[in-house]
């Protein structure tokens, strides 16, 4: 089911891109320029391409929401790594210590071996 919705979603996305590219530019993007500035002019009626764009956009949003719901239903409480069977960082073997040190942790605060020499 998810694959079918995903294929429809991708086809809608490609169709939406094609329809938007195919529309004639009216020069009024973002409300800049275009039009005669008459206050009572209003908006022109929607063309067939504009109606098709709206329909594809609504269908695209609907398939996006559907894919989100399907993914939420299929999600599990376990991690993806747990389902693959690969070791997680908690079960991974410990790293070997560097030669000459007991651990990889910094020295305690009371250790003065790393302190700079006192100024005379």
C-alpha atoms as a PDB file:
ATOM      1  CA  UNK A   1       0.000   0.000   0.000  1.00  0.00           C
ATOM      2  CA  UNK A   2       2.780   2.374   0.920  1.00  0.00           C
ATOM      3  CA  UNK A   3       4.581   1.750  -2.376  1.00  0.00           C
ATOM      4  CA  UNK A   4       1.435   2.536  -4.375  1.00  0.00           C
ATOM      5  CA  UNK A   5       0.874   5.802  -2.503  1.00  0.00           C
ATOM      6  CA  UNK A   6       4.548   6.677  -2.892  1.00  0.00           C
ATOM      7  CA  UNK A   7       4.443   6.122  -6.663  1.00  0.00           C
ATOM      8  CA  UNK A   8       1.279   8.240  -6.943  1.00  0.00           C
ATOM      9  CA  UNK A   9       2.981  10.900  -4.802  1.00  0.00           C
ATOM     10  CA  UNK A  10       6.022  10.996  -7.096  1.00  0.00           C
ATOM     11  CA  UNK A  11       3.852  11.170 -10.214  1.00  0.00           C
ATOM     12  CA  UNK A  12       1.887  14.032  -8.679  1.00  0.00           C
ATOM     13  CA  UNK A  13       5.113  15.861  -7.849  1.00  0.00           C
ATOM     14  CA  UNK A  14       6.403  15.526 -11.417  1.00  0.00           C
ATOM     15  CA  UNK A  15       3.019  16.567 -12.841  1.00  0.00           C
ATOM     16  CA  UNK A  16       2.872  19.575 -10.545  1.00  0.00           C
ATOM     17  CA  UNK A  17       6.346  20.655 -11.648  1.00  0.00           C
ATOM     18  CA  UNK A  18       5.363  20.310 -15.298  1.00  0.00           C
ATOM     19  CA  UNK A  19       2.115  22.237 -14.902  1.00  0.00           C
ATOM     20  CA  UNK A  20       3.789  25.087 -13.033  1.00  0.00           C
ATOM     21  CA  UNK A  21       6.530  25.324 -15.666  1.00  0.00           C
ATOM     22  CA  UNK A  22       3.916  25.294 -18.406  1.00  0.00           C
ATOM     23  CA  UNK A  23       2.004  28.285 -17.106  1.00  0.00           C
ATOM     24  CA  UNK A  24       2.391  31.689 -18.666  1.00  0.00           C
ATOM     25  CA  UNK A  25       4.187  34.212 -16.497  1.00  0.00           C
ATOM     26  CA  UNK A  26       1.908  37.140 -15.729  1.00  0.00           C
ATOM     27  CA  UNK A  27       4.542  39.290 -14.060  1.00  0.00           C
ATOM     28  CA  UNK A  28       2.610  39.558 -10.835  1.00  0.00           C
ATOM     29  CA  UNK A  29       4.637  37.213  -8.673  1.00  0.00           C
ATOM     30  CA  UNK A  30       4.580  38.143  -4.982  1.00  0.00           C
ATOM     31  CA  UNK A  31       2.260  41.033  -5.778  1.00  0.00           C
ATOM     32  CA  UNK A  32       4.997  43.025  -7.470  1.00  0.00           C
ATOM     33  CA  UNK A  33       4.109  44.828 -10.674  1.00  0.00           C
ATOM     34  CA  UNK A  34       1.447  43.719 -13.116  1.00  0.00           C
ATOM     35  CA  UNK A  35      -2.136  44.856 -13.172  1.00  0.00           C
ATOM     36  CA  UNK A  36      -3.427  48.371 -13.708  1.00  0.00           C
ATOM     37  CA  UNK A  37      -3.593  49.225 -10.013  1.00  0.00           C
ATOM     38  CA  UNK A  38      -7.323  49.866 -10.058  1.00  0.00           C
ATOM     39  CA  UNK A  39      -8.735  49.246  -6.565  1.00  0.00           C
ATOM     40  CA  UNK A  40     -11.894  47.537  -7.793  1.00  0.00           C
ATOM     41  CA  UNK A  41     -10.171  45.332 -10.374  1.00  0.00           C
ATOM     42  CA  UNK A  42     -10.131  42.175  -8.231  1.00  0.00           C
ATOM     43  CA  UNK A  43      -8.614  38.926  -9.416  1.00  0.00           C
ATOM     44  CA  UNK A  44      -9.266  37.496 -12.842  1.00  0.00           C
ATOM     45  CA  UNK A  45     -11.101  34.152 -12.952  1.00  0.00           C
ATOM     46  CA  UNK A  46      -8.949  31.041 -12.664  1.00  0.00           C
ATOM     47  CA  UNK A  47      -7.762  29.492 -15.889  1.00  0.00           C
ATOM     48  CA  UNK A  48      -7.826  25.765 -16.575  1.00  0.00           C
ATOM     49  CA  UNK A  49      -4.085  25.545 -15.830  1.00  0.00           C
ATOM     50  CA  UNK A  50      -4.550  27.315 -12.505  1.00  0.00           C
ATOM     51  CA  UNK A  51      -7.382  24.950 -11.563  1.00  0.00           C
ATOM     52  CA  UNK A  52      -5.227  21.972 -12.543  1.00  0.00           C
ATOM     53  CA  UNK A  53      -2.371  23.353 -10.425  1.00  0.00           C
ATOM     54  CA  UNK A  54      -4.664  23.666  -7.406  1.00  0.00           C
ATOM     55  CA  UNK A  55      -6.021  20.139  -7.898  1.00  0.00           C
ATOM     56  CA  UNK A  56      -2.529  18.655  -8.181  1.00  0.00           C
ATOM     57  CA  UNK A  57      -1.358  20.619  -5.133  1.00  0.00           C
ATOM     58  CA  UNK A  58      -4.281  19.370  -3.023  1.00  0.00           C
ATOM     59  CA  UNK A  59      -3.668  15.780  -4.169  1.00  0.00           C
ATOM     60  CA  UNK A  60       0.060  16.152  -3.418  1.00  0.00           C
ATOM     61  CA  UNK A  61      -0.664  17.351   0.130  1.00  0.00           C
ATOM     62  CA  UNK A  62      -3.173  14.530   0.621  1.00  0.00           C
ATOM     63  CA  UNK A  63      -0.656  11.884  -0.415  1.00  0.00           C
ATOM     64  CA  UNK A  64       1.978  13.511   1.815  1.00  0.00           C
ATOM     65  CA  UNK A  65      -0.338  13.233   4.811  1.00  0.00           C
ATOM     66  CA  UNK A  66      -1.271   9.670   3.854  1.00  0.00           C
ATOM     67  CA  UNK A  67       2.386   8.643   3.674  1.00  0.00           C
ATOM     68  CA  UNK A  68       2.980  10.241   7.083  1.00  0.00           C
ATOM     69  CA  UNK A  69       0.088   8.308   8.630  1.00  0.00           C
ATOM     70  CA  UNK A  70       1.237   5.026   7.059  1.00  0.00           C
ATOM     71  CA  UNK A  71       4.794   5.561   8.305  1.00  0.00           C
ATOM     72  CA  UNK A  72       3.550   6.338  11.817  1.00  0.00           C
ATOM     73  CA  UNK A  73       1.467   3.158  11.879  1.00  0.00           C
ATOM     74  CA  UNK A  74       4.386   1.027  10.737  1.00  0.00           C
ATOM     75  CA  UNK A  75       6.875   2.524  13.166  1.00  0.00           C
ATOM     76  CA  UNK A  76       7.997   0.354  16.029  1.00  0.00           C
ATOM     77  CA  UNK A  77       9.411   1.088  19.454  1.00  0.00           C
ATOM     78  CA  UNK A  78      12.668  -0.591  18.516  1.00  0.00           C
ATOM     79  CA  UNK A  79      15.512   1.051  16.695  1.00  0.00           C
ATOM     80  CA  UNK A  80      16.278   0.409  13.042  1.00  0.00           C
ATOM     81  CA  UNK A  81      19.664  -0.937  14.109  1.00  0.00           C
ATOM     82  CA  UNK A  82      17.968  -3.406  16.471  1.00  0.00           C
ATOM     83  CA  UNK A  83      15.824  -4.694  13.622  1.00  0.00           C
ATOM     84  CA  UNK A  84      18.869  -5.125  11.364  1.00  0.00           C
ATOM     85  CA  UNK A  85      20.733  -7.110  13.983  1.00  0.00           C
ATOM     86  CA  UNK A  86      23.808  -4.880  14.000  1.00  0.00           C
ATOM     87  CA  UNK A  87      25.409  -4.177  17.349  1.00  0.00           C
ATOM     88  CA  UNK A  88      24.489  -0.877  18.925  1.00  0.00           C
ATOM     89  CA  UNK A  89      27.075   1.331  20.654  1.00  0.00           C
ATOM     90  CA  UNK A  90      25.966  -0.009  24.054  1.00  0.00           C
ATOM     91  CA  UNK A  91      26.801  -3.601  23.055  1.00  0.00           C
ATOM     92  CA  UNK A  92      29.920  -2.761  21.046  1.00  0.00           C
ATOM     93  CA  UNK A  93      33.248  -3.937  22.469  1.00  0.00           C
ATOM     94  CA  UNK A  94      35.238  -1.436  24.492  1.00  0.00           C
ATOM     95  CA  UNK A  95      38.149   0.318  22.838  1.00  0.00           C
ATOM     96  CA  UNK A  96      41.604  -0.738  23.982  1.00  0.00           C
ATOM     97  CA  UNK A  97      43.462   1.721  26.166  1.00  0.00           C
ATOM     98  CA  UNK A  98      46.397   3.662  24.816  1.00  0.00           C
ATOM     99  CA  UNK A  99      49.835   2.354  25.761  1.00  0.00           C
ATOM    100  CA  UNK A 100      51.045   3.849  29.021  1.00  0.00           C
ATOM    101  CA  UNK A 101      47.613   4.972  30.223  1.00  0.00           C
ATOM    102  CA  UNK A 102      44.989   3.266  32.302  1.00  0.00           C
ATOM    103  CA  UNK A 103      42.022   4.822  30.549  1.00  0.00           C
ATOM    104  CA  UNK A 104      41.009   7.312  27.914  1.00  0.00           C
ATOM    105  CA  UNK A 105      39.567   9.649  30.514  1.00  0.00           C
ATOM    106  CA  UNK A 106      41.383  12.869  31.407  1.00  0.00           C
ATOM    107  CA  UNK A 107      43.420  12.876  34.604  1.00  0.00           C
ATOM    108  CA  UNK A 108      41.657  13.867  37.838  1.00  0.00           C
ATOM    109  CA  UNK A 109      41.765  17.484  38.965  1.00  0.00           C
ATOM    110  CA  UNK A 110      44.072  16.670  41.896  1.00  0.00           C
ATOM    111  CA  UNK A 111      46.794  15.431  39.540  1.00  0.00           C
ATOM    112  CA  UNK A 112      49.328  18.293  39.101  1.00  0.00           C
ATOM    113  CA  UNK A 113      51.531  16.526  36.551  1.00  0.00           C
ATOM    114  CA  UNK A 114      49.922  18.445  33.685  1.00  0.00           C
ATOM    115  CA  UNK A 115      49.915  21.818  35.420  1.00  0.00           C
ATOM    116  CA  UNK A 116      52.280  24.465  34.054  1.00  0.00           C
ATOM    117  CA  UNK A 117      55.297  25.291  36.195  1.00  0.00           C
ATOM    118  CA  UNK A 118      54.887  28.088  38.699  1.00  0.00           C
ATOM    119  CA  UNK A 119      56.215  31.469  37.638  1.00  0.00           C
ATOM    120  CA  UNK A 120      59.168  32.678  39.761  1.00  0.00           C
END
